[in-house]
Amino acid sequence: MSDSVPLTVFYGCMLAGGKPQLEDAKGFELLKLSLVGQDIEIRLTKRKKDRTSAANRYYWGVIIPMLAEFCGMTREETHDALKHKLLIDRTDEGLPRVRSTCSLTTEEFSRYLDGCIQLAGEIGLIIPDPK
C-alpha cells in the first residue's frame, strides 16, 4: 500500500503582505491536520486560467466543423492541422513541439481562435462571430 496522498489543489489569491486567501480554507486546514507528523511538499504557483467552456464549444461546434467541411478533412485532421500551423514552439535546440490546446490559458486560447478565424478567411471561409 502506498503512503502517497492524492494531490489536492487549493485555489485563492495572494493578499498584501504575502498572506494567501483560499477559496476552501476549511478544507486546507483539515488537510493540514491530517498530515501532522508527516513529511510534506508545498508548491505555490500562479493559477492558470483555463479556456472557457463557451470558447471550447465555439471551437469544436463552429470553427472545426466549418473548416473540416470546407477543406474536406475530418474534425481531428482539421484540429491537428490548426495546431501544427498555429501552436508550434520552435526552439534552436531539438525538435519543434506542437502545443496542446488543453495547455493554453484563456488569453492564449482566445488568440488561437483568432488565428483560426484569420486562416479560414485567408482560404475564403468566413467563420461567424460567436455572438
C-alpha atoms as a PDB file:
ATOM      1  CA  MET A   1       0.000   0.000   0.000  1.00  0.00           C
ATOM      2  CA  SER A   2       1.267   3.462  -0.909  1.00  0.00           C
ATOM      3  CA  ASP A   3       1.858   6.251   1.617  1.00  0.00           C
ATOM      4  CA  SER A   4       1.150   8.891  -1.006  1.00  0.00           C
ATOM      5  CA  VAL A   5      -1.753  11.266  -0.580  1.00  0.00           C
ATOM      6  CA  PRO A   6      -3.711  12.265  -3.689  1.00  0.00           C
ATOM      7  CA  LEU A   7      -2.764  15.724  -4.945  1.00  0.00           C
ATOM      8  CA  THR A   8      -5.167  18.302  -3.618  1.00  0.00           C
ATOM      9  CA  VAL A   9      -5.227  21.715  -5.266  1.00  0.00           C
ATOM     10  CA  PHE A  10      -6.433  24.771  -3.387  1.00  0.00           C
ATOM     11  CA  TYR A  11      -7.315  27.984  -5.215  1.00  0.00           C
ATOM     12  CA  GLY A  12      -7.333  31.521  -3.934  1.00  0.00           C
ATOM     13  CA  CYS A  13      -5.434  34.774  -4.197  1.00  0.00           C
ATOM     14  CA  MET A  14      -2.421  36.315  -2.525  1.00  0.00           C
ATOM     15  CA  LEU A  15      -3.200  39.306  -0.346  1.00  0.00           C
ATOM     16  CA  ALA A  16      -0.863  42.160   0.501  1.00  0.00           C
ATOM     17  CA  GLY A  17       1.958  41.043   2.745  1.00  0.00           C
ATOM     18  CA  GLY A  18       2.053  37.589   1.147  1.00  0.00           C
ATOM     19  CA  LYS A  19      -0.940  36.164   3.016  1.00  0.00           C
ATOM     20  CA  PRO A  20      -2.957  33.648   0.957  1.00  0.00           C
ATOM     21  CA  GLN A  21      -6.751  33.829   0.940  1.00  0.00           C
ATOM     22  CA  LEU A  22      -8.040  30.375  -0.038  1.00  0.00           C
ATOM     23  CA  GLU A  23     -11.449  29.585  -1.502  1.00  0.00           C
ATOM     24  CA  ASP A  24     -11.582  26.403   0.604  1.00  0.00           C
ATOM     25  CA  ALA A  25      -9.724  27.464   3.744  1.00  0.00           C
ATOM     26  CA  LYS A  26     -11.565  24.886   5.869  1.00  0.00           C
ATOM     27  CA  GLY A  27     -10.562  22.043   3.537  1.00  0.00           C
ATOM     28  CA  PHE A  28      -6.972  23.257   3.619  1.00  0.00           C
ATOM     29  CA  GLU A  29      -6.983  23.265   7.427  1.00  0.00           C
ATOM     30  CA  LEU A  30      -8.435  19.730   7.523  1.00  0.00           C
ATOM     31  CA  LEU A  31      -5.761  18.504   5.125  1.00  0.00           C
ATOM     32  CA  LYS A  32      -3.029  20.139   7.213  1.00  0.00           C
ATOM     33  CA  LEU A  33      -4.331  18.412  10.338  1.00  0.00           C
ATOM     34  CA  SER A  34      -4.434  15.045   8.567  1.00  0.00           C
ATOM     35  CA  LEU A  35      -0.732  15.387   7.746  1.00  0.00           C
ATOM     36  CA  VAL A  36       0.589  16.213  11.212  1.00  0.00           C
ATOM     37  CA  GLY A  37       3.868  14.364  11.742  1.00  0.00           C
ATOM     38  CA  GLN A  38       4.250  13.591   8.030  1.00  0.00           C
ATOM     39  CA  ASP A  39       6.849  14.889   5.607  1.00  0.00           C
ATOM     40  CA  ILE A  40       5.127  17.303   3.230  1.00  0.00           C
ATOM     41  CA  GLU A  41       5.809  19.128  -0.023  1.00  0.00           C
ATOM     42  CA  ILE A  42       4.325  22.545  -0.777  1.00  0.00           C
ATOM     43  CA  ARG A  43       4.174  24.076  -4.250  1.00  0.00           C
ATOM     44  CA  LEU A  44       2.895  27.571  -4.852  1.00  0.00           C
ATOM     45  CA  THR A  45       2.283  28.770  -8.406  1.00  0.00           C
ATOM     46  CA  LYS A  46       0.312  31.408 -10.229  1.00  0.00           C
ATOM     47  CA  ARG A  47      -3.063  29.999 -11.205  1.00  0.00           C
ATOM     48  CA  LYS A  48      -3.517  29.295 -14.894  1.00  0.00           C
ATOM     49  CA  LYS A  49      -6.914  30.344 -16.168  1.00  0.00           C
ATOM     50  CA  ASP A  50      -8.267  27.646 -18.430  1.00  0.00           C
ATOM     51  CA  ARG A  51     -10.263  28.387 -21.535  1.00  0.00           C
ATOM     52  CA  THR A  52     -13.958  28.843 -21.028  1.00  0.00           C
ATOM     53  CA  SER A  53     -16.448  26.153 -21.942  1.00  0.00           C
ATOM     54  CA  ALA A  54     -18.170  28.653 -24.273  1.00  0.00           C
ATOM     55  CA  ALA A  55     -14.905  29.185 -26.181  1.00  0.00           C
ATOM     56  CA  ASN A  56     -14.364  25.435 -26.351  1.00  0.00           C
ATOM     57  CA  ARG A  57     -17.911  24.875 -27.684  1.00  0.00           C
ATOM     58  CA  TYR A  58     -17.368  27.611 -30.295  1.00  0.00           C
ATOM     59  CA  TYR A  59     -14.103  25.979 -31.395  1.00  0.00           C
ATOM     60  CA  TRP A  60     -15.450  22.412 -31.640  1.00  0.00           C
ATOM     61  CA  GLY A  61     -19.007  23.353 -32.641  1.00  0.00           C
ATOM     62  CA  VAL A  62     -18.389  26.108 -35.208  1.00  0.00           C
ATOM     63  CA  ILE A  63     -14.770  26.626 -36.252  1.00  0.00           C
ATOM     64  CA  ILE A  64     -13.680  22.989 -36.550  1.00  0.00           C
ATOM     65  CA  PRO A  65     -16.801  21.663 -38.366  1.00  0.00           C
ATOM     66  CA  MET A  66     -16.867  24.573 -40.822  1.00  0.00           C
ATOM     67  CA  LEU A  67     -13.168  24.293 -41.652  1.00  0.00           C
ATOM     68  CA  ALA A  68     -13.330  20.490 -41.836  1.00  0.00           C
ATOM     69  CA  GLU A  69     -16.190  20.575 -44.330  1.00  0.00           C
ATOM     70  CA  PHE A  70     -14.612  23.395 -46.355  1.00  0.00           C
ATOM     71  CA  CYS A  71     -11.262  21.560 -46.586  1.00  0.00           C
ATOM     72  CA  GLY A  72     -12.653  18.023 -46.974  1.00  0.00           C
ATOM     73  CA  MET A  73     -10.980  16.822 -43.784  1.00  0.00           C
ATOM     74  CA  THR A  74     -12.155  15.117 -40.617  1.00  0.00           C
ATOM     75  CA  ARG A  75     -12.572  17.193 -37.492  1.00  0.00           C
ATOM     76  CA  GLU A  76      -9.494  15.615 -35.894  1.00  0.00           C
ATOM     77  CA  GLU A  77      -7.405  16.231 -39.024  1.00  0.00           C
ATOM     78  CA  THR A  78      -8.542  19.853 -39.021  1.00  0.00           C
ATOM     79  CA  HIS A  79      -7.748  20.231 -35.314  1.00  0.00           C
ATOM     80  CA  ASP A  80      -4.267  18.735 -35.825  1.00  0.00           C
ATOM     81  CA  ALA A  81      -3.591  20.915 -38.888  1.00  0.00           C
ATOM     82  CA  LEU A  82      -4.539  24.077 -36.986  1.00  0.00           C
ATOM     83  CA  LYS A  83      -2.314  23.123 -34.057  1.00  0.00           C
ATOM     84  CA  HIS A  84       0.603  22.471 -36.417  1.00  0.00           C
ATOM     85  CA  LYS A  85       0.046  25.814 -38.109  1.00  0.00           C
ATOM     86  CA  LEU A  86      -0.562  27.958 -35.013  1.00  0.00           C
ATOM     87  CA  LEU A  87       0.841  26.193 -31.949  1.00  0.00           C
ATOM     88  CA  ILE A  88       4.374  25.154 -32.862  1.00  0.00           C
ATOM     89  CA  ASP A  89       7.066  26.153 -30.378  1.00  0.00           C
ATOM     90  CA  ARG A  90      10.246  26.447 -32.377  1.00  0.00           C
ATOM     91  CA  THR A  91      13.485  26.453 -30.467  1.00  0.00           C
ATOM     92  CA  ASP A  92      17.088  26.418 -31.579  1.00  0.00           C
ATOM     93  CA  GLU A  93      17.572  23.146 -29.745  1.00  0.00           C
ATOM     94  CA  GLY A  94      15.907  19.857 -30.615  1.00  0.00           C
ATOM     95  CA  LEU A  95      12.701  19.250 -32.488  1.00  0.00           C
ATOM     96  CA  PRO A  96       9.795  21.692 -32.634  1.00  0.00           C
ATOM     97  CA  ARG A  97       6.964  20.959 -30.222  1.00  0.00           C
ATOM     98  CA  VAL A  98       3.273  21.279 -31.028  1.00  0.00           C
ATOM     99  CA  ARG A  99       1.380  22.593 -28.011  1.00  0.00           C
ATOM    100  CA  SER A 100      -1.908  21.068 -26.970  1.00  0.00           C
ATOM    101  CA  THR A 101      -4.915  23.358 -26.971  1.00  0.00           C
ATOM    102  CA  CYS A 102      -5.682  21.987 -23.492  1.00  0.00           C
ATOM    103  CA  SER A 103      -2.495  23.592 -22.189  1.00  0.00           C
ATOM    104  CA  LEU A 104      -3.498  27.096 -23.323  1.00  0.00           C
ATOM    105  CA  THR A 105      -4.587  29.800 -20.925  1.00  0.00           C
ATOM    106  CA  THR A 106      -7.797  31.710 -21.603  1.00  0.00           C
ATOM    107  CA  GLU A 107      -5.833  34.503 -23.278  1.00  0.00           C
ATOM    108  CA  GLU A 108      -3.736  32.091 -25.370  1.00  0.00           C
ATOM    109  CA  PHE A 109      -6.827  30.149 -26.468  1.00  0.00           C
ATOM    110  CA  SER A 110      -8.523  33.405 -27.476  1.00  0.00           C
ATOM    111  CA  ARG A 111      -5.507  34.316 -29.641  1.00  0.00           C
ATOM    112  CA  TYR A 112      -5.568  30.770 -31.066  1.00  0.00           C
ATOM    113  CA  LEU A 113      -9.258  31.152 -32.024  1.00  0.00           C
ATOM    114  CA  ASP A 114      -8.463  34.490 -33.669  1.00  0.00           C
ATOM    115  CA  GLY A 115      -5.673  32.783 -35.631  1.00  0.00           C
ATOM    116  CA  CYS A 116      -8.049  30.011 -36.741  1.00  0.00           C
ATOM    117  CA  ILE A 117     -10.613  32.562 -37.926  1.00  0.00           C
ATOM    118  CA  GLN A 118      -7.914  34.530 -39.770  1.00  0.00           C
ATOM    119  CA  LEU A 119      -6.613  31.375 -41.501  1.00  0.00           C
ATOM    120  CA  ALA A 120     -10.149  30.466 -42.529  1.00  0.00           C
ATOM    121  CA  GLY A 121     -10.599  33.942 -44.024  1.00  0.00           C
ATOM    122  CA  GLU A 122      -7.337  33.616 -45.945  1.00  0.00           C
ATOM    123  CA  ILE A 123      -8.662  30.497 -47.708  1.00  0.00           C
ATOM    124  CA  GLY A 124     -12.065  32.060 -48.399  1.00  0.00           C
ATOM    125  CA  LEU A 125     -14.149  30.791 -45.475  1.00  0.00           C
ATOM    126  CA  ILE A 126     -15.923  33.294 -43.244  1.00  0.00           C
ATOM    127  CA  ILE A 127     -16.414  31.984 -39.697  1.00  0.00           C
ATOM    128  CA  PRO A 128     -19.354  33.656 -37.914  1.00  0.00           C
ATOM    129  CA  ASP A 129     -18.741  35.636 -34.759  1.00  0.00           C
ATOM    130  CA  PRO A 130     -19.525  33.647 -31.587  1.00  0.00           C
ATOM    131  CA  LYS A 131     -22.098  36.252 -30.549  1.00  0.00           C
END
